[in-house]
Amino acid sequence: MDCNQNINPILFIHDVNGFMVGRDAEQSGIIREGAKMVNAVSNTTVPKLSLIIGGTFGAGHYAMCGKAYEPRFIFAWPTARYAVMGGAQAANTLVDIRIRQLEREGNKLSEEERAALFKSVKETYDHQTDPRYGAARLWIDEIIFPRNTREVLIQALTIVCSNPELEKFNPGVIQT
């Protein structure tokens, strides 16, 4: 909110597994604090840049100015990962769903078949979290080497700061 009032661009550096879930996380206020962040990011009018250096997954990705919040640029290091969730978590979820479907149809999978299904889903999902996969679909604007990060960010900040026209900042009502 300070950046909007002072018209400073915002750089989000991603290495986030998402928001923690569970009773303990909820009681610690993660939902309330996450909602405040999402509100601020979604209503910001200053230029936003995202740099993915590690993983960027789930709601944490969106809160850190994911594609849905229209950052002017999304850069990623070659080692980055970009998805709704990590490969193992996605494979566990998708395999559980598939096993339930098969069991409803009266089929039982052996442990070997379950392991093969898990491996297949995980490999597919891991392939799709690669930044090249995201760049090919225009989810990532450029894959940059870590050693070039400073120069790329300076150039991007120069570009986004050259347009002085911004929408009026209206954060709405934020309850604490």
Protein backbone atom coordinates (compact mmCIF):
# COMPACT_ATOMS: atom_id res chain seq x y z
CA MET A 1 0.00 0.00 0.00
CA ASP A 2 2.95 2.30 0.69
CA CYS A 3 4.31 1.61 -2.78
CA ASN A 4 1.00 2.68 -4.32
CA GLN A 5 0.92 5.91 -2.33
CA ASN A 6 4.53 6.73 -3.27
CA ILE A 7 4.25 5.34 -6.81
CA ASN A 8 7.06 2.79 -6.43
CA PRO A 9 7.02 -0.40 -8.52
CA ILE A 10 6.86 -3.69 -6.62
CA LEU A 11 9.17 -6.66 -7.19
CA PHE A 12 7.92 -10.05 -5.99
CA ILE A 13 10.61 -12.72 -5.61
CA HIS A 14 8.99 -16.16 -5.60
CA ASP A 15 10.12 -19.20 -3.68
CA VAL A 16 6.83 -20.18 -2.12
CA ASN A 17 5.17 -23.54 -1.54
CA GLY A 18 1.76 -21.95 -1.03
CA PHE A 19 -0.16 -21.12 2.08
CA MET A 20 0.01 -23.52 5.00
CA VAL A 21 -3.17 -25.46 5.64
CA GLY A 22 -4.59 -27.13 8.71
CA ARG A 23 -6.01 -26.18 12.04
CA ASP A 24 -2.78 -24.76 13.49
CA ALA A 25 -2.17 -22.56 10.45
CA GLU A 26 -5.75 -21.34 10.47
CA GLN A 27 -5.63 -20.52 14.18
CA SER A 28 -2.40 -18.58 13.67
CA GLY A 29 -4.26 -16.24 11.30
CA ILE A 30 -2.94 -17.35 7.90
CA ILE A 31 -6.33 -16.84 6.24
CA ARG A 32 -6.74 -13.30 7.55
CA GLU A 33 -3.16 -12.29 6.75
CA GLY A 34 -3.28 -13.98 3.34
CA ALA A 35 -6.53 -12.18 2.52
CA LYS A 36 -4.93 -8.83 3.38
CA MET A 37 -2.02 -9.57 1.06
CA VAL A 38 -4.27 -10.73 -1.78
CA ASN A 39 -6.41 -7.61 -1.33
CA ALA A 40 -3.37 -5.32 -1.48
CA VAL A 41 -1.83 -7.11 -4.50
CA SER A 42 -5.09 -7.29 -6.44
CA ASN A 43 -5.85 -3.60 -5.94
CA THR A 44 -2.37 -2.21 -6.51
CA THR A 45 -1.96 0.10 -9.49
CA VAL A 46 1.80 0.54 -9.58
CA PRO A 47 3.85 -1.65 -11.93
CA LYS A 48 4.49 -5.16 -10.59
CA LEU A 49 7.33 -7.51 -11.53
CA SER A 50 7.65 -11.16 -10.57
CA LEU A 51 10.87 -13.15 -10.41
CA ILE A 52 10.59 -16.89 -9.79
CA ILE A 53 13.84 -18.19 -8.30
CA GLY A 54 12.57 -21.40 -6.69
CA GLY A 55 9.13 -22.91 -6.65
CA THR A 56 5.92 -20.96 -6.92
CA PHE A 57 2.87 -22.99 -6.05
CA GLY A 58 -0.80 -22.64 -5.22
CA ALA A 59 -2.40 -19.69 -3.51
CA GLY A 60 1.04 -18.47 -2.44
CA HIS A 61 1.86 -17.99 -6.12
CA TYR A 62 -1.22 -15.85 -6.66
CA ALA A 63 -0.64 -13.80 -3.51
CA MET A 64 2.91 -13.13 -4.69
CA CYS A 65 1.52 -11.51 -7.84
CA GLY A 66 1.02 -14.48 -10.10
CA LYS A 67 -0.19 -14.20 -13.67
CA ALA A 68 -3.78 -13.49 -12.58
CA TYR A 69 -2.71 -10.20 -10.97
CA GLU A 70 -1.12 -8.96 -14.18
CA PRO A 71 2.52 -8.30 -13.36
CA ARG A 72 4.15 -6.37 -16.19
CA PHE A 73 6.86 -9.03 -16.41
CA ILE A 74 7.32 -12.53 -15.04
CA PHE A 75 10.92 -13.77 -15.11
CA ALA A 76 12.13 -17.19 -14.00
CA TRP A 77 15.47 -18.80 -13.37
CA PRO A 78 16.09 -22.05 -15.27
CA THR A 79 15.79 -24.02 -12.01
CA ALA A 80 12.40 -22.51 -11.11
CA ARG A 81 9.18 -24.51 -10.79
CA TYR A 82 5.74 -23.08 -11.58
CA ALA A 83 2.48 -24.94 -10.88
CA VAL A 84 -0.62 -25.25 -8.74
CA MET A 85 1.29 -27.70 -6.51
CA GLY A 86 4.49 -29.75 -6.53
CA GLY A 87 4.75 -32.93 -8.60
CA ALA A 88 4.58 -35.39 -5.69
CA GLN A 89 1.61 -33.63 -4.08
CA ALA A 90 -0.24 -33.41 -7.40
CA ALA A 91 0.51 -37.04 -8.18
CA ASN A 92 -0.80 -38.15 -4.76
CA THR A 93 -4.00 -36.17 -5.25
CA LEU A 94 -4.60 -37.21 -8.85
CA VAL A 95 -3.76 -40.86 -8.21
CA ASP A 96 -6.14 -40.96 -5.21
CA ILE A 97 -8.92 -39.57 -7.40
CA ARG A 98 -8.17 -42.07 -10.18
CA ILE A 99 -8.06 -45.01 -7.73
CA ARG A 100 -11.44 -44.01 -6.27
CA GLN A 101 -12.89 -43.83 -9.80
CA LEU A 102 -11.58 -47.28 -10.63
CA GLU A 103 -12.83 -48.73 -7.33
CA ARG A 104 -16.32 -47.32 -7.96
CA GLU A 105 -16.23 -49.17 -11.29
CA GLY A 106 -15.31 -52.36 -9.44
CA ASN A 107 -11.60 -52.45 -10.34
CA LYS A 108 -8.78 -52.96 -7.84
CA LEU A 109 -5.21 -51.84 -8.51
CA SER A 110 -2.22 -53.79 -7.29
CA GLU A 111 0.60 -51.98 -5.49
CA GLU A 112 2.71 -52.19 -8.66
CA GLU A 113 -0.10 -50.62 -10.72
CA ARG A 114 -0.53 -47.87 -8.12
CA ALA A 115 3.21 -47.18 -8.16
CA ALA A 116 3.27 -47.10 -11.97
CA LEU A 117 0.28 -44.73 -12.06
CA PHE A 118 1.93 -42.47 -9.45
CA LYS A 119 5.21 -42.44 -11.40
CA SER A 120 3.45 -41.61 -14.66
CA VAL A 121 1.42 -38.75 -13.18
CA LYS A 122 4.42 -37.35 -11.28
CA GLU A 123 6.65 -37.38 -14.38
CA THR A 124 3.99 -35.59 -16.41
CA TYR A 125 3.40 -33.02 -13.68
CA ASP A 126 7.13 -32.47 -13.08
CA HIS A 127 7.58 -31.85 -16.82
CA GLN A 128 4.79 -29.27 -16.73
CA THR A 129 6.32 -27.37 -13.78
CA ASP A 130 9.48 -26.66 -15.80
CA PRO A 131 9.81 -22.93 -16.63
CA ARG A 132 10.26 -23.77 -20.33
CA TYR A 133 6.81 -25.33 -20.33
CA GLY A 134 5.40 -22.14 -18.78
CA ALA A 135 7.34 -19.86 -21.13
CA ALA A 136 6.08 -21.80 -24.17
CA ARG A 137 2.52 -21.02 -22.99
CA LEU A 138 3.34 -17.34 -22.29
CA TRP A 139 2.92 -17.78 -18.52
CA ILE A 140 6.54 -16.66 -18.11
CA ASP A 141 7.93 -13.77 -20.12
CA GLU A 142 11.59 -14.77 -20.02
CA ILE A 143 13.85 -17.38 -18.49
CA ILE A 144 16.96 -15.62 -17.22
CA PHE A 145 20.20 -16.87 -15.76
CA PRO A 146 20.81 -15.87 -12.13
CA ARG A 147 23.97 -13.99 -13.13
CA ASN A 148 21.88 -11.74 -15.44
CA THR A 149 19.15 -11.00 -12.90
CA ARG A 150 20.38 -7.53 -11.92
CA GLU A 151 20.66 -6.28 -15.50
CA VAL A 152 17.28 -7.73 -16.51
CA LEU A 153 15.52 -6.22 -13.49
CA ILE A 154 17.14 -2.81 -14.06
CA GLN A 155 15.96 -2.87 -17.67
CA ALA A 156 12.45 -3.99 -16.67
CA LEU A 157 12.19 -1.31 -13.97
CA THR A 158 13.34 1.32 -16.45
CA ILE A 159 10.62 0.20 -18.86
CA VAL A 160 7.79 0.10 -16.33
CA CYS A 161 8.75 3.45 -14.80
CA SER A 162 8.60 5.20 -18.18
CA ASN A 163 4.78 5.22 -18.12
CA PRO A 164 3.70 7.80 -15.52
CA GLU A 165 -0.04 7.25 -16.05
CA LEU A 166 -1.53 5.01 -13.36
CA GLU A 167 -5.06 4.23 -12.29
CA LYS A 168 -6.26 5.74 -9.02
CA PHE A 169 -5.30 3.51 -6.10
CA ASN A 170 -8.43 2.32 -4.28
CA PRO A 171 -7.68 -0.42 -1.73
CA GLY A 172 -11.27 -0.76 -0.57
CA VAL A 173 -12.00 -1.60 3.04
CA ILE A 174 -9.43 -3.72 4.84
CA GLN A 175 -10.56 -5.01 8.18
CA THR A 176 -7.92 -5.98 10.72
